[in-house]
Amino acid sequence: MTVIENHLIRMLPARERQRILAICEPAPLILADVLCTPAKRTRYAYFPTEGFISLLTSTSGSPELEVGMVGREGMLGVQMVLGVSATPLRAIVQGSGTAWRVDAGAFRKELERSPMLRRVLNRYLYVLMIQLTTSAGCLRFHQIGPRLARWLLMSQDRAHADSFRMTHEFLAYLLGVRRVGITVAANALQHSGLIAYHRGDLTVLDRNGLEMAACGCYEADRKAYADTLDSR
């Protein structure tokens, strides 16, 4: 992994970028690997360059729900900017790829040393807060079809490809609905010519159509990121 592809690292001035990369190591993101769990000390910060990570929450006696997603636009472990060593969420690799990984202790020292790194990550923390609150409202008020379209767009953005692996069972698990609900919603998108799906292989055929089918939460997340980070 020789090319810097993480957006947050790329935003740093050259000197700060070189310092953070000097304490990073390349690490694979392996599908279904758990990178952190609630209430346990975070050992590493991850800056994905390929692939993406799902952020999951759960309550006692209930299945987990996905409330956020991290790809090359962000990082995992941003709570350390606040001086907090543990996260309330479980992080699992949703799309395989690669990341820059940095030891938590070294990362905290670099945060103390670099005001620009703290500034960039504070802004990203705000964007992540918006994503989490948007997801809460989306799960409560929006129908399965628009939610599925939003999730597929978010996945495509982070996969940087039109095709990726995804099963109905895993989609149901992430969206907090029964498998039959995902099957009906996915079939509707497929019959509309927006996606193709066969035995876990999903391809986005009509990006514009999928955006029209998604709920407004997708565009709200994109706007929040652009307004907060891209226009800094």
Protein backbone atom coordinates (compact mmCIF):
# COMPACT_ATOMS: atom_id res chain seq x y z
CA MET A 1 0.00 0.00 0.00
CA THR A 2 2.15 2.87 -1.25
CA VAL A 3 -0.49 5.42 -2.28
CA ILE A 4 -2.17 7.62 0.33
CA GLU A 5 -5.88 7.10 -0.24
CA ASN A 6 -7.41 8.01 3.10
CA HIS A 7 -9.15 11.36 2.80
CA LEU A 8 -8.42 12.56 6.35
CA ILE A 9 -4.69 11.89 6.01
CA ARG A 10 -4.65 13.52 2.59
CA MET A 11 -6.17 16.69 4.10
CA LEU A 12 -3.21 17.19 6.44
CA PRO A 13 -0.32 19.51 5.52
CA ALA A 14 2.71 17.64 4.18
CA ARG A 15 4.66 17.74 7.45
CA GLU A 16 1.81 16.41 9.60
CA ARG A 17 0.94 13.85 6.93
CA GLN A 18 4.49 12.49 6.95
CA ARG A 19 4.49 12.27 10.76
CA ILE A 20 1.25 10.31 10.99
CA LEU A 21 2.31 7.96 8.21
CA ALA A 22 5.64 7.38 9.96
CA ILE A 23 3.84 5.81 12.92
CA CYS A 24 1.34 3.85 10.80
CA GLU A 25 1.64 0.36 9.39
CA PRO A 26 -0.36 -1.22 6.54
CA ALA A 27 -3.00 -3.65 7.80
CA PRO A 28 -5.51 -5.83 5.95
CA LEU A 29 -9.22 -5.38 6.53
CA ILE A 30 -10.56 -8.93 6.44
CA LEU A 31 -14.28 -9.48 5.90
CA ALA A 32 -16.17 -10.07 9.18
CA ASP A 33 -13.16 -9.30 11.40
CA VAL A 34 -14.10 -7.47 14.61
CA LEU A 35 -11.80 -4.47 15.12
CA CYS A 36 -13.19 -3.20 18.42
CA THR A 37 -15.94 -3.99 20.91
CA PRO A 38 -17.89 -1.82 23.37
CA ALA A 39 -16.34 -0.91 26.71
CA LYS A 40 -12.94 -2.39 25.78
CA ARG A 41 -9.85 -0.25 25.36
CA THR A 42 -9.18 0.62 21.74
CA ARG A 43 -5.79 -0.76 20.74
CA TYR A 44 -5.47 0.81 17.30
CA ALA A 45 -6.78 3.63 15.18
CA TYR A 46 -7.58 2.66 11.58
CA PHE A 47 -7.52 4.90 8.50
CA PRO A 48 -9.06 2.77 5.72
CA THR A 49 -7.72 3.14 2.20
CA GLU A 50 -9.84 0.36 0.68
CA GLY A 51 -12.85 -1.49 2.05
CA PHE A 52 -15.17 -0.30 4.80
CA ILE A 53 -16.19 -0.93 8.39
CA SER A 54 -19.66 -1.13 9.92
CA LEU A 55 -20.41 0.45 13.29
CA LEU A 56 -22.96 -1.59 15.23
CA THR A 57 -25.00 -0.96 18.34
CA SER A 58 -27.17 -3.28 20.40
CA THR A 59 -29.43 -3.29 23.42
CA SER A 60 -29.93 -6.15 25.84
CA GLY A 61 -31.82 -9.00 24.22
CA SER A 62 -32.00 -7.35 20.77
CA PRO A 63 -30.06 -7.98 17.55
CA GLU A 64 -27.34 -5.53 16.55
CA LEU A 65 -28.10 -2.64 14.21
CA GLU A 66 -25.75 -0.77 11.94
CA VAL A 67 -25.72 2.94 12.79
CA GLY A 68 -22.62 4.07 10.92
CA MET A 69 -20.06 3.19 8.29
CA VAL A 70 -16.38 4.08 7.89
CA GLY A 71 -14.41 3.97 4.65
CA ARG A 72 -11.51 5.93 3.22
CA GLU A 73 -13.40 9.15 3.97
CA GLY A 74 -12.94 8.61 7.72
CA MET A 75 -11.29 6.66 10.50
CA LEU A 76 -12.03 4.21 13.29
CA GLY A 77 -11.05 5.24 16.82
CA VAL A 78 -11.96 8.91 16.58
CA GLN A 79 -13.24 8.89 20.19
CA MET A 80 -9.59 9.09 21.24
CA VAL A 81 -9.63 12.73 20.11
CA LEU A 82 -11.87 13.30 23.16
CA GLY A 83 -9.48 11.45 25.46
CA VAL A 84 -11.78 8.41 25.62
CA SER A 85 -10.06 5.05 25.21
CA ALA A 86 -13.18 2.89 24.59
CA THR A 87 -16.05 3.09 22.12
CA PRO A 88 -19.75 2.29 22.71
CA LEU A 89 -19.95 0.58 19.31
CA ARG A 90 -18.75 -2.68 17.82
CA ALA A 91 -16.76 -2.33 14.61
CA ILE A 92 -16.78 -5.14 12.06
CA VAL A 93 -15.22 -5.22 8.60
CA GLN A 94 -18.05 -5.06 6.07
CA GLY A 95 -15.96 -4.77 2.91
CA SER A 96 -12.47 -6.24 2.74
CA GLY A 97 -9.53 -4.02 1.86
CA THR A 98 -6.61 -2.28 3.54
CA ALA A 99 -5.98 0.44 6.11
CA TRP A 100 -3.26 2.42 7.77
CA ARG A 101 -3.15 1.22 11.39
CA VAL A 102 -1.54 3.11 14.27
CA ASP A 103 -1.03 2.06 17.88
CA ALA A 104 -3.38 3.93 20.23
CA GLY A 105 -0.55 5.26 22.42
CA ALA A 106 1.41 6.61 19.46
CA PHE A 107 -1.78 8.08 18.02
CA ARG A 108 -2.57 9.97 21.25
CA LYS A 109 0.95 11.41 21.32
CA GLU A 110 0.58 12.63 17.74
CA LEU A 111 -2.76 14.20 18.64
CA GLU A 112 -1.02 16.19 21.38
CA ARG A 113 1.71 17.22 18.97
CA SER A 114 -0.38 18.20 15.96
CA PRO A 115 -3.11 20.88 16.27
CA MET A 116 -4.00 20.36 12.58
CA LEU A 117 -4.61 16.63 13.10
CA ARG A 118 -6.90 17.44 16.04
CA ARG A 119 -8.72 20.06 13.97
CA VAL A 120 -9.36 17.69 11.06
CA LEU A 121 -10.47 14.85 13.34
CA ASN A 122 -12.70 17.13 15.43
CA ARG A 123 -14.53 18.01 12.22
CA TYR A 124 -14.77 14.36 11.25
CA LEU A 125 -16.13 13.55 14.72
CA TYR A 126 -18.90 16.07 14.12
CA VAL A 127 -19.70 14.46 10.74
CA LEU A 128 -19.83 11.03 12.39
CA MET A 129 -22.22 12.37 15.03
CA ILE A 130 -24.51 13.55 12.23
CA GLN A 131 -24.31 10.13 10.56
CA LEU A 132 -25.24 8.37 13.81
CA THR A 133 -28.20 10.65 14.55
CA THR A 134 -29.40 10.45 10.94
CA SER A 135 -29.28 6.65 11.11
CA ALA A 136 -31.39 6.66 14.28
CA GLY A 137 -34.15 8.63 12.58
CA CYS A 138 -33.83 6.60 9.38
CA LEU A 139 -34.26 3.31 11.24
CA ARG A 140 -37.34 4.62 13.04
CA PHE A 141 -39.23 6.48 10.33
CA HIS A 142 -38.23 5.29 6.84
CA GLN A 143 -39.40 2.23 4.94
CA ILE A 144 -37.12 -0.70 4.14
CA GLY A 145 -36.79 0.05 0.40
CA PRO A 146 -35.43 3.61 0.71
CA ARG A 147 -33.23 2.54 3.63
CA LEU A 148 -31.81 -0.32 1.57
CA ALA A 149 -31.12 2.03 -1.35
CA ARG A 150 -29.32 4.42 1.01
CA TRP A 151 -27.23 1.62 2.49
CA LEU A 152 -26.26 0.32 -0.97
CA LEU A 153 -25.16 3.81 -2.03
CA MET A 154 -23.08 4.20 1.13
CA SER A 155 -21.48 0.82 0.48
CA GLN A 156 -20.76 1.62 -3.16
CA ASP A 157 -19.15 4.92 -2.17
CA ARG A 158 -16.78 3.13 0.17
CA ALA A 159 -16.19 0.05 -2.00
CA HIS A 160 -15.31 2.34 -4.95
CA ALA A 161 -16.80 -0.29 -7.23
CA ASP A 162 -20.16 -1.04 -8.82
CA SER A 163 -20.10 -4.68 -7.63
CA PHE A 164 -19.58 -6.13 -4.17
CA ARG A 165 -20.56 -9.17 -2.10
CA MET A 166 -23.67 -9.01 0.04
CA THR A 167 -26.16 -11.60 1.30
CA HIS A 168 -29.80 -11.00 2.21
CA GLU A 169 -29.10 -12.45 5.66
CA PHE A 170 -26.37 -9.92 6.36
CA LEU A 171 -28.42 -7.02 5.01
CA ALA A 172 -31.30 -8.01 7.28
CA TYR A 173 -28.88 -8.21 10.19
CA LEU A 174 -27.52 -4.73 9.52
CA LEU A 175 -30.85 -3.03 8.83
CA GLY A 176 -32.64 -4.69 11.72
CA VAL A 177 -35.43 -6.28 9.68
CA ARG A 178 -36.50 -9.81 8.78
CA ARG A 179 -34.86 -11.48 5.78
CA VAL A 180 -38.17 -11.55 3.89
CA GLY A 181 -38.34 -7.74 4.10
CA ILE A 182 -34.90 -7.41 2.53
CA THR A 183 -35.85 -9.93 -0.18
CA VAL A 184 -38.95 -7.93 -1.15
CA ALA A 185 -37.07 -4.61 -1.16
CA ALA A 186 -34.10 -5.99 -3.11
CA ASN A 187 -36.40 -7.62 -5.67
CA ALA A 188 -38.18 -4.30 -6.19
CA LEU A 189 -34.87 -2.53 -6.83
CA GLN A 190 -33.83 -5.31 -9.19
CA HIS A 191 -37.11 -5.29 -11.13
CA SER A 192 -36.72 -1.52 -11.53
CA GLY A 193 -33.35 -2.09 -13.18
CA LEU A 194 -31.41 -0.33 -10.41
CA ILE A 195 -29.39 -3.32 -9.20
CA ALA A 196 -28.56 -6.87 -10.19
CA TYR A 197 -28.33 -9.49 -7.46
CA HIS A 198 -27.39 -13.15 -7.73
CA ARG A 199 -26.14 -15.45 -4.97
CA GLY A 200 -24.57 -12.71 -2.91
CA ASP A 201 -23.06 -10.77 -5.83
CA LEU A 202 -24.65 -7.32 -6.00
CA THR A 203 -24.09 -4.83 -8.84
CA VAL A 204 -25.37 -1.26 -8.99
CA LEU A 205 -26.72 -0.78 -12.53
CA ASP A 206 -28.31 2.65 -12.26
CA ARG A 207 -26.62 4.96 -9.77
CA ASN A 208 -28.88 7.93 -10.45
CA GLY A 209 -31.99 5.80 -10.12
CA LEU A 210 -30.76 4.34 -6.85
CA GLU A 211 -30.18 7.85 -5.49
CA MET A 212 -33.76 8.74 -6.40
CA ALA A 213 -35.02 5.60 -4.64
CA ALA A 214 -33.05 6.32 -1.46
CA CYS A 215 -34.39 8.33 1.44
CA GLY A 216 -33.09 11.86 1.98
CA CYS A 217 -30.71 10.66 4.69
CA TYR A 218 -28.12 9.68 2.07
CA GLU A 219 -27.87 13.17 0.59
CA ALA A 220 -27.96 14.72 4.07
CA ASP A 221 -24.90 12.69 5.08
CA ARG A 222 -23.03 13.66 1.91
CA LYS A 223 -23.84 17.33 2.40
CA ALA A 224 -22.72 17.26 6.03
CA TYR A 225 -19.36 15.80 5.02
CA ALA A 226 -18.86 18.27 2.18
CA ASP A 227 -19.87 21.27 4.28
CA THR A 228 -17.75 20.29 7.27
CA LEU A 229 -14.62 18.79 5.73
CA ASP A 230 -14.38 19.46 2.01
CA SER A 231 -15.05 23.19 2.45
CA ARG A 232 -12.90 23.71 5.54
